[in-house]
């Protein structure tokens, strides 16, 4: 039972990290020093996604699930849990490019606002 709970905790941590990568720029507007954590998180997330690397949390979750007597899964976290939700059937490369640009825009806007605010300070 403890392994199943630990696997669920890793799953929640993984999801929280992804949300932080995508939406953390909004938190940086409120707490600018958080950029010290957010920018490396964005770099890591983008690198893992662009190079199609396997996040270390995925094998950890799979190992814990197997120790709990459950089946692990093939591929990564995104493919197993999020892809069916985020990427609908019929997804084209153009749509994927648009989604990638949206993620960048979501993060560029808060950082642009933050820089603008910092420049206006006397």
PDB file of N, CA and C in Angstrom:
ATOM      1  N   UNK A   1       0.818  -1.201   0.000  1.00  0.00           N
ATOM      2  CA  UNK A   1       0.000   0.000   0.000  1.00  0.00           C
ATOM      3  C   UNK A   1       0.861   1.264   0.000  1.00  0.00           C
ATOM      4  N   UNK A   2       1.965   1.229   0.771  1.00  0.00           N
ATOM      5  CA  UNK A   2       2.824   2.421   0.863  1.00  0.00           C
ATOM      6  C   UNK A   2       3.428   2.750  -0.501  1.00  0.00           C
ATOM      7  N   UNK A   3       3.743   1.719  -1.295  1.00  0.00           N
ATOM      8  CA  UNK A   3       4.327   1.974  -2.616  1.00  0.00           C
ATOM      9  C   UNK A   3       3.307   2.616  -3.550  1.00  0.00           C
ATOM     10  N   UNK A   4       2.057   2.198  -3.451  1.00  0.00           N
ATOM     11  CA  UNK A   4       1.007   2.797  -4.270  1.00  0.00           C
ATOM     12  C   UNK A   4       0.794   4.260  -3.911  1.00  0.00           C
ATOM     13  N   UNK A   5       0.815   4.571  -2.627  1.00  0.00           N
ATOM     14  CA  UNK A   5       0.679   5.966  -2.189  1.00  0.00           C
ATOM     15  C   UNK A   5       1.876   6.798  -2.637  1.00  0.00           C
ATOM     16  N   UNK A   6       3.063   6.198  -2.552  1.00  0.00           N
ATOM     17  CA  UNK A   6       4.266   6.914  -2.996  1.00  0.00           C
ATOM     18  C   UNK A   6       4.211   7.170  -4.505  1.00  0.00           C
ATOM     19  N   UNK A   7       3.715   6.188  -5.279  1.00  0.00           N
ATOM     20  CA  UNK A   7       3.582   6.375  -6.732  1.00  0.00           C
ATOM     21  C   UNK A   7       2.589   7.492  -7.026  1.00  0.00           C
ATOM     22  N   UNK A   8       1.498   7.526  -6.277  1.00  0.00           N
ATOM     23  CA  UNK A   8       0.521   8.608  -6.457  1.00  0.00           C
ATOM     24  C   UNK A   8       1.123   9.961  -6.101  1.00  0.00           C
ATOM     25  N   UNK A   9       1.955   9.999  -5.066  1.00  0.00           N
ATOM     26  CA  UNK A   9       2.615  11.252  -4.677  1.00  0.00           C
ATOM     27  C   UNK A   9       3.566  11.720  -5.776  1.00  0.00           C
ATOM     28  N   UNK A  10       4.305  10.784  -6.377  1.00  0.00           N
ATOM     29  CA  UNK A  10       5.195  11.138  -7.485  1.00  0.00           C
ATOM     30  C   UNK A  10       4.378  11.656  -8.663  1.00  0.00           C
ATOM     31  N   UNK A  11       3.243  11.031  -8.934  1.00  0.00           N
ATOM     32  CA  UNK A  11       2.360  11.486 -10.005  1.00  0.00           C
ATOM     33  C   UNK A  11       1.906  12.926  -9.761  1.00  0.00           C
ATOM     34  N   UNK A  12       1.487  13.221  -8.542  1.00  0.00           N
ATOM     35  CA  UNK A  12       1.043  14.585  -8.212  1.00  0.00           C
ATOM     36  C   UNK A  12       2.200  15.576  -8.298  1.00  0.00           C
ATOM     37  N   UNK A  13       3.383  15.167  -7.847  1.00  0.00           N
ATOM     38  CA  UNK A  13       4.571  16.026  -7.956  1.00  0.00           C
ATOM     39  C   UNK A  13       4.877  16.320  -9.419  1.00  0.00           C
ATOM     40  N   UNK A  14       4.794  15.308 -10.247  1.00  0.00           N
ATOM     41  CA  UNK A  14       5.063  15.457 -11.675  1.00  0.00           C
ATOM     42  C   UNK A  14       4.073  16.446 -12.306  1.00  0.00           C
ATOM     43  N   UNK A  15       2.805  16.287 -11.985  1.00  0.00           N
ATOM     44  CA  UNK A  15       1.785  17.187 -12.511  1.00  0.00           C
ATOM     45  C   UNK A  15       1.999  18.612 -12.010  1.00  0.00           C
ATOM     46  N   UNK A  16       2.335  18.755 -10.732  1.00  0.00           N
ATOM     47  CA  UNK A  16       2.593  20.089 -10.177  1.00  0.00           C
ATOM     48  C   UNK A  16       3.780  20.746 -10.875  1.00  0.00           C
ATOM     49  N   UNK A  17       4.817  19.970 -11.160  1.00  0.00           N
ATOM     50  CA  UNK A  17       5.983  20.522 -11.847  1.00  0.00           C
ATOM     51  C   UNK A  17       5.606  21.008 -13.246  1.00  0.00           C
ATOM     52  N   UNK A  18       4.824  20.217 -13.967  1.00  0.00           N
ATOM     53  CA  UNK A  18       4.410  20.616 -15.313  1.00  0.00           C
ATOM     54  C   UNK A  18       3.587  21.895 -15.260  1.00  0.00           C
ATOM     55  N   UNK A  19       2.669  21.971 -14.307  1.00  0.00           N
ATOM     56  CA  UNK A  19       1.865  23.191 -14.158  1.00  0.00           C
ATOM     57  C   UNK A  19       2.747  24.387 -13.806  1.00  0.00           C
ATOM     58  N   UNK A  20       3.762  24.163 -12.974  1.00  0.00           N
ATOM     59  CA  UNK A  20       4.689  25.234 -12.617  1.00  0.00           C
ATOM     60  C   UNK A  20       5.461  25.711 -13.840  1.00  0.00           C
ATOM     61  N   UNK A  21       5.895  24.768 -14.677  1.00  0.00           N
ATOM     62  CA  UNK A  21       6.626  25.132 -15.901  1.00  0.00           C
ATOM     63  C   UNK A  21       5.738  25.984 -16.808  1.00  0.00           C
ATOM     64  N   UNK A  22       4.490  25.570 -16.990  1.00  0.00           N
ATOM     65  CA  UNK A  22       3.604  26.258 -17.924  1.00  0.00           C
ATOM     66  C   UNK A  22       3.085  27.581 -17.357  1.00  0.00           C
ATOM     67  N   UNK A  23       2.683  27.591 -16.095  1.00  0.00           N
ATOM     68  CA  UNK A  23       2.008  28.763 -15.534  1.00  0.00           C
ATOM     69  C   UNK A  23       2.821  29.516 -14.486  1.00  0.00           C
ATOM     70  N   UNK A  24       4.024  29.060 -14.206  1.00  0.00           N
ATOM     71  CA  UNK A  24       4.839  29.684 -13.159  1.00  0.00           C
ATOM     72  C   UNK A  24       5.178  31.140 -13.428  1.00  0.00           C
ATOM     73  N   UNK A  25       5.182  31.543 -14.683  1.00  0.00           N
ATOM     74  CA  UNK A  25       5.447  32.944 -15.004  1.00  0.00           C
ATOM     75  C   UNK A  25       4.438  33.871 -14.342  1.00  0.00           C
ATOM     76  N   UNK A  26       3.212  33.392 -14.187  1.00  0.00           N
ATOM     77  CA  UNK A  26       2.191  34.195 -13.510  1.00  0.00           C
ATOM     78  C   UNK A  26       2.533  34.367 -12.027  1.00  0.00           C
ATOM     79  N   UNK A  27       3.103  33.333 -11.422  1.00  0.00           N
ATOM     80  CA  UNK A  27       3.535  33.442 -10.027  1.00  0.00           C
ATOM     81  C   UNK A  27       4.713  34.401  -9.884  1.00  0.00           C
ATOM     82  N   UNK A  28       5.564  34.436 -10.899  1.00  0.00           N
ATOM     83  CA  UNK A  28       6.733  35.319 -10.878  1.00  0.00           C
ATOM     84  C   UNK A  28       6.297  36.785 -10.869  1.00  0.00           C
ATOM     85  N   UNK A  29       5.164  37.076 -11.481  1.00  0.00           N
ATOM     86  CA  UNK A  29       4.654  38.453 -11.431  1.00  0.00           C
ATOM     87  C   UNK A  29       4.405  38.885  -9.988  1.00  0.00           C
ATOM     88  N   UNK A  30       3.898  37.978  -9.188  1.00  0.00           N
ATOM     89  CA  UNK A  30       3.591  38.289  -7.785  1.00  0.00           C
ATOM     90  C   UNK A  30       4.844  38.217  -6.922  1.00  0.00           C
ATOM     91  N   UNK A  31       5.669  37.194  -7.165  1.00  0.00           N
ATOM     92  CA  UNK A  31       6.894  36.969  -6.393  1.00  0.00           C
ATOM     93  C   UNK A  31       8.073  36.864  -7.366  1.00  0.00           C
ATOM     94  N   UNK A  32       8.658  38.000  -7.759  1.00  0.00           N
ATOM     95  CA  UNK A  32       9.718  38.007  -8.781  1.00  0.00           C
ATOM     96  C   UNK A  32      10.915  37.105  -8.465  1.00  0.00           C
ATOM     97  N   UNK A  33      11.234  36.932  -7.209  1.00  0.00           N
ATOM     98  CA  UNK A  33      12.391  36.082  -6.873  1.00  0.00           C
ATOM     99  C   UNK A  33      12.157  34.615  -7.204  1.00  0.00           C
ATOM    100  N   UNK A  34      10.917  34.251  -7.433  1.00  0.00           N
ATOM    101  CA  UNK A  34      10.585  32.887  -7.821  1.00  0.00           C
ATOM    102  C   UNK A  34      11.150  32.547  -9.210  1.00  0.00           C
ATOM    103  N   UNK A  35      11.534  33.568  -9.955  1.00  0.00           N
ATOM    104  CA  UNK A  35      12.134  33.347 -11.278  1.00  0.00           C
ATOM    105  C   UNK A  35      13.398  32.501 -11.176  1.00  0.00           C
ATOM    106  N   UNK A  36      14.066  32.571 -10.040  1.00  0.00           N
ATOM    107  CA  UNK A  36      15.281  31.771  -9.825  1.00  0.00           C
ATOM    108  C   UNK A  36      14.959  30.279  -9.910  1.00  0.00           C
ATOM    109  N   UNK A  37      13.757  29.885  -9.531  1.00  0.00           N
ATOM    110  CA  UNK A  37      13.325  28.492  -9.647  1.00  0.00           C
ATOM    111  C   UNK A  37      12.587  28.229 -10.961  1.00  0.00           C
ATOM    112  N   UNK A  38      11.816  29.222 -11.401  1.00  0.00           N
ATOM    113  CA  UNK A  38      10.982  29.002 -12.570  1.00  0.00           C
ATOM    114  C   UNK A  38      11.784  28.900 -13.870  1.00  0.00           C
ATOM    115  N   UNK A  39      12.737  29.779 -14.073  1.00  0.00           N
ATOM    116  CA  UNK A  39      13.496  29.751 -15.333  1.00  0.00           C
ATOM    117  C   UNK A  39      14.233  28.426 -15.541  1.00  0.00           C
ATOM    118  N   UNK A  40      14.924  27.882 -14.518  1.00  0.00           N
ATOM    119  CA  UNK A  40      15.523  26.551 -14.718  1.00  0.00           C
ATOM    120  C   UNK A  40      14.472  25.461 -14.952  1.00  0.00           C
ATOM    121  N   UNK A  41      13.313  25.589 -14.304  1.00  0.00           N
ATOM    122  CA  UNK A  41      12.248  24.610 -14.512  1.00  0.00           C
ATOM    123  C   UNK A  41      11.761  24.656 -15.955  1.00  0.00           C
ATOM    124  N   UNK A  42      11.603  25.863 -16.502  1.00  0.00           N
ATOM    125  CA  UNK A  42      11.194  26.002 -17.901  1.00  0.00           C
ATOM    126  C   UNK A  42      12.266  25.418 -18.820  1.00  0.00           C
ATOM    127  N   UNK A  43      13.522  25.704 -18.526  1.00  0.00           N
ATOM    128  CA  UNK A  43      14.614  25.167 -19.350  1.00  0.00           C
ATOM    129  C   UNK A  43      14.607  23.635 -19.318  1.00  0.00           C
ATOM    130  N   UNK A  44      14.442  23.065 -18.121  1.00  0.00           N
ATOM    131  CA  UNK A  44      14.399  21.606 -18.002  1.00  0.00           C
ATOM    132  C   UNK A  44      13.194  21.048 -18.753  1.00  0.00           C
ATOM    133  N   UNK A  45      12.021  21.609 -18.517  1.00  0.00           N
ATOM    134  CA  UNK A  45      10.817  21.117 -19.172  1.00  0.00           C
ATOM    135  C   UNK A  45      10.905  21.203 -20.689  1.00  0.00           C
ATOM    136  N   UNK A  46      11.408  22.317 -21.186  1.00  0.00           N
ATOM    137  CA  UNK A  46      11.537  22.481 -22.634  1.00  0.00           C
ATOM    138  C   UNK A  46      12.557  21.495 -23.203  1.00  0.00           C
ATOM    139  N   UNK A  47      13.654  21.300 -22.493  1.00  0.00           N
ATOM    140  CA  UNK A  47      14.686  20.364 -22.958  1.00  0.00           C
ATOM    141  C   UNK A  47      14.148  18.939 -23.007  1.00  0.00           C
ATOM    142  N   UNK A  48      13.494  18.521 -21.952  1.00  0.00           N
ATOM    143  CA  UNK A  48      12.928  17.168 -21.909  1.00  0.00           C
ATOM    144  C   UNK A  48      11.915  16.978 -23.026  1.00  0.00           C
ATOM    145  N   UNK A  49      11.074  17.976 -23.235  1.00  0.00           N
ATOM    146  CA  UNK A  49      10.033  17.856 -24.260  1.00  0.00           C
ATOM    147  C   UNK A  49      10.621  17.914 -25.663  1.00  0.00           C
ATOM    148  N   UNK A  50      11.478  18.889 -25.932  1.00  0.00           N
ATOM    149  CA  UNK A  50      12.027  19.062 -27.287  1.00  0.00           C
ATOM    150  C   UNK A  50      12.942  17.913 -27.696  1.00  0.00           C
ATOM    151  N   UNK A  51      13.724  17.401 -26.757  1.00  0.00           N
ATOM    152  CA  UNK A  51      14.640  16.303 -27.068  1.00  0.00           C
ATOM    153  C   UNK A  51      14.014  14.942 -26.827  1.00  0.00           C
ATOM    154  N   UNK A  52      12.756  14.935 -26.423  1.00  0.00           N
ATOM    155  CA  UNK A  52      11.999  13.718 -26.147  1.00  0.00           C
ATOM    156  C   UNK A  52      12.741  12.812 -25.163  1.00  0.00           C
ATOM    157  N   UNK A  53      13.243  13.435 -24.098  1.00  0.00           N
ATOM    158  CA  UNK A  53      13.923  12.693 -23.042  1.00  0.00           C
ATOM    159  C   UNK A  53      12.891  12.166 -22.055  1.00  0.00           C
ATOM    160  N   UNK A  54      13.288  11.190 -21.286  1.00  0.00           N
ATOM    161  CA  UNK A  54      12.406  10.635 -20.271  1.00  0.00           C
ATOM    162  C   UNK A  54      12.697  11.330 -18.945  1.00  0.00           C
ATOM    163  N   UNK A  55      11.690  11.934 -18.366  1.00  0.00           N
ATOM    164  CA  UNK A  55      11.841  12.596 -17.072  1.00  0.00           C
ATOM    165  C   UNK A  55      12.142  11.536 -16.016  1.00  0.00           C
ATOM    166  N   UNK A  56      13.058  11.794 -15.098  1.00  0.00           N
ATOM    167  CA  UNK A  56      13.395  10.793 -14.075  1.00  0.00           C
ATOM    168  C   UNK A  56      12.230  10.436 -13.152  1.00  0.00           C
ATOM    169  N   UNK A  57      11.216  11.263 -13.093  1.00  0.00           N
ATOM    170  CA  UNK A  57      10.068  10.932 -12.251  1.00  0.00           C
ATOM    171  C   UNK A  57       9.240   9.780 -12.833  1.00  0.00           C
ATOM    172  N   UNK A  58       9.275   9.607 -14.146  1.00  0.00           N
ATOM    173  CA  UNK A  58       8.487   8.549 -14.779  1.00  0.00           C
ATOM    174  C   UNK A  58       8.973   7.161 -14.371  1.00  0.00           C
ATOM    175  N   UNK A  59      10.268   6.843 -14.496  1.00  0.00           N
ATOM    176  CA  UNK A  59      10.710   5.513 -14.048  1.00  0.00           C
ATOM    177  C   UNK A  59      10.514   5.308 -12.538  1.00  0.00           C
ATOM    178  N   UNK A  60      10.646   6.382 -11.768  1.00  0.00           N
ATOM    179  CA  UNK A  60      10.420   6.265 -10.327  1.00  0.00           C
ATOM    180  C   UNK A  60       8.969   5.878 -10.048  1.00  0.00           C
ATOM    181  N   UNK A  61       8.035   6.552 -10.702  1.00  0.00           N
ATOM    182  CA  UNK A  61       6.625   6.213 -10.511  1.00  0.00           C
ATOM    183  C   UNK A  61       6.346   4.777 -10.962  1.00  0.00           C
ATOM    184  N   UNK A  62       6.888   4.382 -12.114  1.00  0.00           N
ATOM    185  CA  UNK A  62       6.677   3.015 -12.613  1.00  0.00           C
ATOM    186  C   UNK A  62       7.226   1.975 -11.647  1.00  0.00           C
ATOM    187  N   UNK A  63       8.401   2.228 -11.101  1.00  0.00           N
ATOM    188  CA  UNK A  63       9.004   1.286 -10.143  1.00  0.00           C
ATOM    189  C   UNK A  63       8.122   1.165  -8.902  1.00  0.00           C
ATOM    190  N   UNK A  64       7.653   2.280  -8.393  1.00  0.00           N
ATOM    191  CA  UNK A  64       6.786   2.240  -7.213  1.00  0.00           C
ATOM    192  C   UNK A  64       5.476   1.516  -7.513  1.00  0.00           C
ATOM    193  N   UNK A  65       4.932   1.715  -8.701  1.00  0.00           N
ATOM    194  CA  UNK A  65       3.699   1.026  -9.071  1.00  0.00           C
ATOM    195  C   UNK A  65       3.921  -0.490  -9.141  1.00  0.00           C
ATOM    196  N   UNK A  66       5.049  -0.906  -9.710  1.00  0.00           N
ATOM    197  CA  UNK A  66       5.339  -2.346  -9.772  1.00  0.00           C
ATOM    198  C   UNK A  66       5.536  -2.920  -8.371  1.00  0.00           C
ATOM    199  N   UNK A  67       6.210  -2.178  -7.491  1.00  0.00           N
ATOM    200  CA  UNK A  67       6.387  -2.635  -6.109  1.00  0.00           C
ATOM    201  C   UNK A  67       5.051  -2.744  -5.380  1.00  0.00           C
ATOM    202  N   UNK A  68       4.083  -1.939  -5.805  1.00  0.00           N
ATOM    203  CA  UNK A  68       2.745  -1.980  -5.203  1.00  0.00           C
ATOM    204  C   UNK A  68       1.879  -3.069  -5.837  1.00  0.00           C
ATOM    205  N   UNK A  69       2.434  -3.806  -6.802  1.00  0.00           N
ATOM    206  CA  UNK A  69       1.670  -4.860  -7.459  1.00  0.00           C
ATOM    207  C   UNK A  69       0.845  -4.353  -8.622  1.00  0.00           C
ATOM    208  N   UNK A  70       1.057  -3.122  -9.033  1.00  0.00           N
ATOM    209  CA  UNK A  70       0.340  -2.555 -10.173  1.00  0.00           C
ATOM    210  C   UNK A  70       1.224  -2.646 -11.407  1.00  0.00           C
ATOM    211  N   UNK A  71       0.624  -2.432 -12.550  1.00  0.00           N
ATOM    212  CA  UNK A  71       1.402  -2.391 -13.784  1.00  0.00           C
ATOM    213  C   UNK A  71       1.982  -1.002 -13.980  1.00  0.00           C
ATOM    214  N   UNK A  72       3.210  -0.951 -14.443  1.00  0.00           N
ATOM    215  CA  UNK A  72       3.791   0.330 -14.864  1.00  0.00           C
ATOM    216  C   UNK A  72       3.214   0.664 -16.232  1.00  0.00           C
ATOM    217  N   UNK A  73       3.751   1.655 -16.878  1.00  0.00           N
ATOM    218  CA  UNK A  73       3.275   2.023 -18.203  1.00  0.00           C
ATOM    219  C   UNK A  73       4.449   2.323 -19.107  1.00  0.00           C
ATOM    220  N   UNK A  74       4.205   2.203 -20.393  1.00  0.00           N
ATOM    221  CA  UNK A  74       5.219   2.500 -21.403  1.00  0.00           C
ATOM    222  C   UNK A  74       5.249   3.990 -21.669  1.00  0.00           C
ATOM    223  N   UNK A  75       6.379   4.476 -22.135  1.00  0.00           N
ATOM    224  CA  UNK A  75       6.492   5.888 -22.475  1.00  0.00           C
ATOM    225  C   UNK A  75       6.629   6.761 -21.244  1.00  0.00           C
ATOM    226  N   UNK A  76       6.369   8.030 -21.419  1.00  0.00           N
ATOM    227  CA  UNK A  76       6.541   8.986 -20.338  1.00  0.00           C
ATOM    228  C   UNK A  76       5.222   9.450 -19.754  1.00  0.00           C
ATOM    229  N   UNK A  77       5.335  10.304 -18.779  1.00  0.00           N
ATOM    230  CA  UNK A  77       4.185  10.860 -18.067  1.00  0.00           C
ATOM    231  C   UNK A  77       3.227  11.547 -19.030  1.00  0.00           C
ATOM    232  N   UNK A  78       3.780  12.372 -19.901  1.00  0.00           N
ATOM    233  CA  UNK A  78       2.961  13.134 -20.846  1.00  0.00           C
ATOM    234  C   UNK A  78       2.145  12.175 -21.725  1.00  0.00           C
ATOM    235  N   UNK A  79       2.839  11.190 -22.296  1.00  0.00           N
ATOM    236  CA  UNK A  79       2.162  10.262 -23.206  1.00  0.00           C
ATOM    237  C   UNK A  79       1.079   9.455 -22.487  1.00  0.00           C
ATOM    238  N   UNK A  80       1.351   9.062 -21.254  1.00  0.00           N
ATOM    239  CA  UNK A  80       0.422   8.185 -20.549  1.00  0.00           C
ATOM    240  C   UNK A  80      -0.778   8.930 -19.952  1.00  0.00           C
ATOM    241  N   UNK A  81      -0.521  10.034 -19.262  1.00  0.00           N
ATOM    242  CA  UNK A  81      -1.583  10.716 -18.533  1.00  0.00           C
ATOM    243  C   UNK A  81      -2.156  11.934 -19.251  1.00  0.00           C
ATOM    244  N   UNK A  82      -1.275  12.748 -19.811  1.00  0.00           N
ATOM    245  CA  UNK A  82      -1.732  14.033 -20.331  1.00  0.00           C
ATOM    246  C   UNK A  82      -2.062  14.039 -21.812  1.00  0.00           C
ATOM    247  N   UNK A  83      -1.364  13.224 -22.591  1.00  0.00           N
ATOM    248  CA  UNK A  83      -1.589  13.253 -24.035  1.00  0.00           C
ATOM    249  C   UNK A  83      -3.049  13.011 -24.413  1.00  0.00           C
ATOM    250  N   UNK A  84      -3.714  12.017 -23.811  1.00  0.00           N
ATOM    251  CA  UNK A  84      -5.122  11.835 -24.178  1.00  0.00           C
ATOM    252  C   UNK A  84      -5.997  13.049 -23.839  1.00  0.00           C
ATOM    253  N   UNK A  85      -5.613  13.816 -22.817  1.00  0.00           N
ATOM    254  CA  UNK A  85      -6.392  14.992 -22.441  1.00  0.00           C
ATOM    255  C   UNK A  85      -6.024  16.215 -23.265  1.00  0.00           C
ATOM    256  N   UNK A  86      -4.723  16.394 -23.471  1.00  0.00           N
ATOM    257  CA  UNK A  86      -4.233  17.611 -24.117  1.00  0.00           C
ATOM    258  C   UNK A  86      -4.264  17.504 -25.636  1.00  0.00           C
ATOM    259  N   UNK A  87      -3.859  16.360 -26.144  1.00  0.00           N
ATOM    260  CA  UNK A  87      -3.738  16.200 -27.591  1.00  0.00           C
ATOM    261  C   UNK A  87      -4.891  15.359 -28.131  1.00  0.00           C
ATOM    262  N   UNK A  88      -5.885  16.001 -28.666  1.00  0.00           N
ATOM    263  CA  UNK A  88      -7.034  15.255 -29.191  1.00  0.00           C
ATOM    264  C   UNK A  88      -6.665  14.490 -30.456  1.00  0.00           C
ATOM    265  N   UNK A  89      -7.522  13.567 -30.816  1.00  0.00           N
ATOM    266  CA  UNK A  89      -7.321  12.824 -32.070  1.00  0.00           C
ATOM    267  C   UNK A  89      -7.273  13.823 -33.223  1.00  0.00           C
ATOM    268  N   UNK A  90      -6.445  13.547 -34.207  1.00  0.00           N
ATOM    269  CA  UNK A  90      -6.354  14.421 -35.366  1.00  0.00           C
ATOM    270  C   UNK A  90      -5.418  15.608 -35.164  1.00  0.00           C
ATOM    271  N   UNK A  91      -4.592  15.533 -34.150  1.00  0.00           N
ATOM    272  CA  UNK A  91      -3.648  16.620 -33.889  1.00  0.00           C
ATOM    273  C   UNK A  91      -2.620  16.679 -35.010  1.00  0.00           C
ATOM    274  N   UNK A  92      -2.429  17.854 -35.557  1.00  0.00           N
ATOM    275  CA  UNK A  92      -1.481  18.030 -36.656  1.00  0.00           C
ATOM    276  C   UNK A  92      -0.214  18.710 -36.130  1.00  0.00           C
ATOM    277  N   UNK A  93       0.885  18.610 -36.876  1.00  0.00           N
ATOM    278  CA  UNK A  93       2.099  19.323 -36.469  1.00  0.00           C
ATOM    279  C   UNK A  93       1.875  20.827 -36.329  1.00  0.00           C
ATOM    280  N   UNK A  94       1.026  21.389 -37.142  1.00  0.00           N
ATOM    281  CA  UNK A  94       0.727  22.820 -37.053  1.00  0.00           C
ATOM    282  C   UNK A  94       0.056  23.172 -35.733  1.00  0.00           C
ATOM    283  N   UNK A  95      -0.869  22.328 -35.311  1.00  0.00           N
ATOM    284  CA  UNK A  95      -1.538  22.561 -34.023  1.00  0.00           C
ATOM    285  C   UNK A  95      -0.534  22.413 -32.882  1.00  0.00           C
ATOM    286  N   UNK A  96       0.336  21.402 -32.978  1.00  0.00           N
ATOM    287  CA  UNK A  96       1.358  21.220 -31.944  1.00  0.00           C
ATOM    288  C   UNK A  96       2.270  22.435 -31.856  1.00  0.00           C
ATOM    289  N   UNK A  97       2.660  22.969 -32.999  1.00  0.00           N
ATOM    290  CA  UNK A  97       3.493  24.167 -33.014  1.00  0.00           C
ATOM    291  C   UNK A  97       2.764  25.327 -32.363  1.00  0.00           C
ATOM    292  N   UNK A  98       1.477  25.461 -32.663  1.00  0.00           N
ATOM    293  CA  UNK A  98       0.669  26.511 -32.042  1.00  0.00           C
ATOM    294  C   UNK A  98       0.584  26.347 -30.533  1.00  0.00           C
ATOM    295  N   UNK A  99       0.429  25.103 -30.054  1.00  0.00           N
ATOM    296  CA  UNK A  99       0.382  24.861 -28.612  1.00  0.00           C
ATOM    297  C   UNK A  99       1.715  25.201 -27.953  1.00  0.00           C
ATOM    298  N   UNK A 100       2.824  24.847 -28.622  1.00  0.00           N
ATOM    299  CA  UNK A 100       4.141  25.195 -28.097  1.00  0.00           C
ATOM    300  C   UNK A 100       4.327  26.706 -28.021  1.00  0.00           C
ATOM    301  N   UNK A 101       3.878  27.401 -29.051  1.00  0.00           N
ATOM    302  CA  UNK A 101       3.971  28.867 -29.053  1.00  0.00           C
ATOM    303  C   UNK A 101       3.103  29.463 -27.951  1.00  0.00           C
ATOM    304  N   UNK A 102       1.956  28.856 -27.689  1.00  0.00           N
ATOM    305  CA  UNK A 102       1.083  29.328 -26.619  1.00  0.00           C
ATOM    306  C   UNK A 102       1.750  29.211 -25.253  1.00  0.00           C
ATOM    307  N   UNK A 103       2.446  28.102 -25.025  1.00  0.00           N
ATOM    308  CA  UNK A 103       3.166  27.929 -23.753  1.00  0.00           C
ATOM    309  C   UNK A 103       4.222  29.017 -23.598  1.00  0.00           C
ATOM    310  N   UNK A 104       4.959  29.278 -24.678  1.00  0.00           N
ATOM    311  CA  UNK A 104       5.978  30.333 -24.611  1.00  0.00           C
ATOM    312  C   UNK A 104       5.338  31.692 -24.371  1.00  0.00           C
ATOM    313  N   UNK A 105       4.240  31.969 -25.052  1.00  0.00           N
ATOM    314  CA  UNK A 105       3.549  33.243 -24.887  1.00  0.00           C
ATOM    315  C   UNK A 105       3.029  33.411 -23.466  1.00  0.00           C
ATOM    316  N   UNK A 106       2.470  32.338 -22.918  1.00  0.00           N
ATOM    317  CA  UNK A 106       1.975  32.389 -21.547  1.00  0.00           C
ATOM    318  C   UNK A 106       3.082  32.812 -20.599  1.00  0.00           C
ATOM    319  N   UNK A 107       4.310  32.342 -20.841  1.00  0.00           N
ATOM    320  CA  UNK A 107       5.420  32.684 -19.957  1.00  0.00           C
ATOM    321  C   UNK A 107       6.105  33.986 -20.338  1.00  0.00           C
ATOM    322  N   UNK A 108       6.101  34.350 -21.606  1.00  0.00           N
ATOM    323  CA  UNK A 108       6.757  35.596 -22.021  1.00  0.00           C
ATOM    324  C   UNK A 108       5.995  36.831 -21.545  1.00  0.00           C
ATOM    325  N   UNK A 109       4.687  36.763 -21.541  1.00  0.00           N
ATOM    326  CA  UNK A 109       3.889  37.914 -21.131  1.00  0.00           C
ATOM    327  C   UNK A 109       4.178  38.314 -19.685  1.00  0.00           C
ATOM    328  N   UNK A 110       4.120  37.389 -18.714  1.00  0.00           N
ATOM    329  CA  UNK A 110       4.423  37.805 -17.336  1.00  0.00           C
ATOM    330  C   UNK A 110       5.851  38.321 -17.166  1.00  0.00           C
ATOM    331  N   UNK A 111       6.813  37.673 -17.836  1.00  0.00           N
ATOM    332  CA  UNK A 111       8.190  38.153 -17.712  1.00  0.00           C
ATOM    333  C   UNK A 111       8.356  39.522 -18.367  1.00  0.00           C
ATOM    334  N   UNK A 112       7.682  39.754 -19.464  1.00  0.00           N
ATOM    335  CA  UNK A 112       7.716  41.077 -20.082  1.00  0.00           C
ATOM    336  C   UNK A 112       7.120  42.135 -19.166  1.00  0.00           C
ATOM    337  N   UNK A 113       5.996  41.821 -18.543  1.00  0.00           N
ATOM    338  CA  UNK A 113       5.388  42.746 -17.586  1.00  0.00           C
ATOM    339  C   UNK A 113       6.302  43.000 -16.393  1.00  0.00           C
ATOM    340  N   UNK A 114       6.947  41.967 -15.924  1.00  0.00           N
ATOM    341  CA  UNK A 114       7.861  42.112 -14.792  1.00  0.00           C
ATOM    342  C   UNK A 114       9.031  43.020 -15.161  1.00  0.00           C
ATOM    343  N   UNK A 115       9.617  42.806 -16.323  1.00  0.00           N
ATOM    344  CA  UNK A 115      10.719  43.672 -16.757  1.00  0.00           C
ATOM    345  C   UNK A 115      10.253  45.108 -16.926  1.00  0.00           C
ATOM    346  N   UNK A 116       9.084  45.303 -17.466  1.00  0.00           N
ATOM    347  CA  UNK A 116       8.532  46.642 -17.634  1.00  0.00           C
ATOM    348  C   UNK A 116       8.357  47.316 -16.279  1.00  0.00           C
ATOM    349  N   UNK A 117       7.817  46.581 -15.303  1.00  0.00           N
ATOM    350  CA  UNK A 117       7.647  47.144 -13.945  1.00  0.00           C
ATOM    351  C   UNK A 117       8.983  47.491 -13.303  1.00  0.00           C
ATOM    352  N   UNK A 118       9.975  46.615 -13.496  1.00  0.00           N
ATOM    353  CA  UNK A 118      11.282  46.871 -12.882  1.00  0.00           C
ATOM    354  C   UNK A 118      11.963  48.083 -13.508  1.00  0.00           C
ATOM    355  N   UNK A 119      11.767  48.301 -14.793  1.00  0.00           N
ATOM    356  CA  UNK A 119      12.363  49.455 -15.468  1.00  0.00           C
ATOM    357  C   UNK A 119      11.701  50.768 -15.054  1.00  0.00           C
ATOM    358  N   UNK A 120      10.444  50.715 -14.680  1.00  0.00           N
ATOM    359  CA  UNK A 120       9.720  51.942 -14.300  1.00  0.00           C
ATOM    360  C   UNK A 120      10.042  52.369 -12.877  1.00  0.00           C
ATOM    361  N   UNK A 121      10.623  51.504 -12.076  1.00  0.00           N
ATOM    362  CA  UNK A 121      10.974  51.873 -10.714  1.00  0.00           C
ATOM    363  C   UNK A 121      12.067  52.941 -10.705  1.00  0.00           C
ATOM    364  N   UNK A 122      11.932  53.904  -9.806  1.00  0.00           N
ATOM    365  CA  UNK A 122      12.972  54.951  -9.741  1.00  0.00           C
ATOM    366  C   UNK A 122      14.256  54.447  -9.124  1.00  0.00           C
TER     367      UNK A 122
END
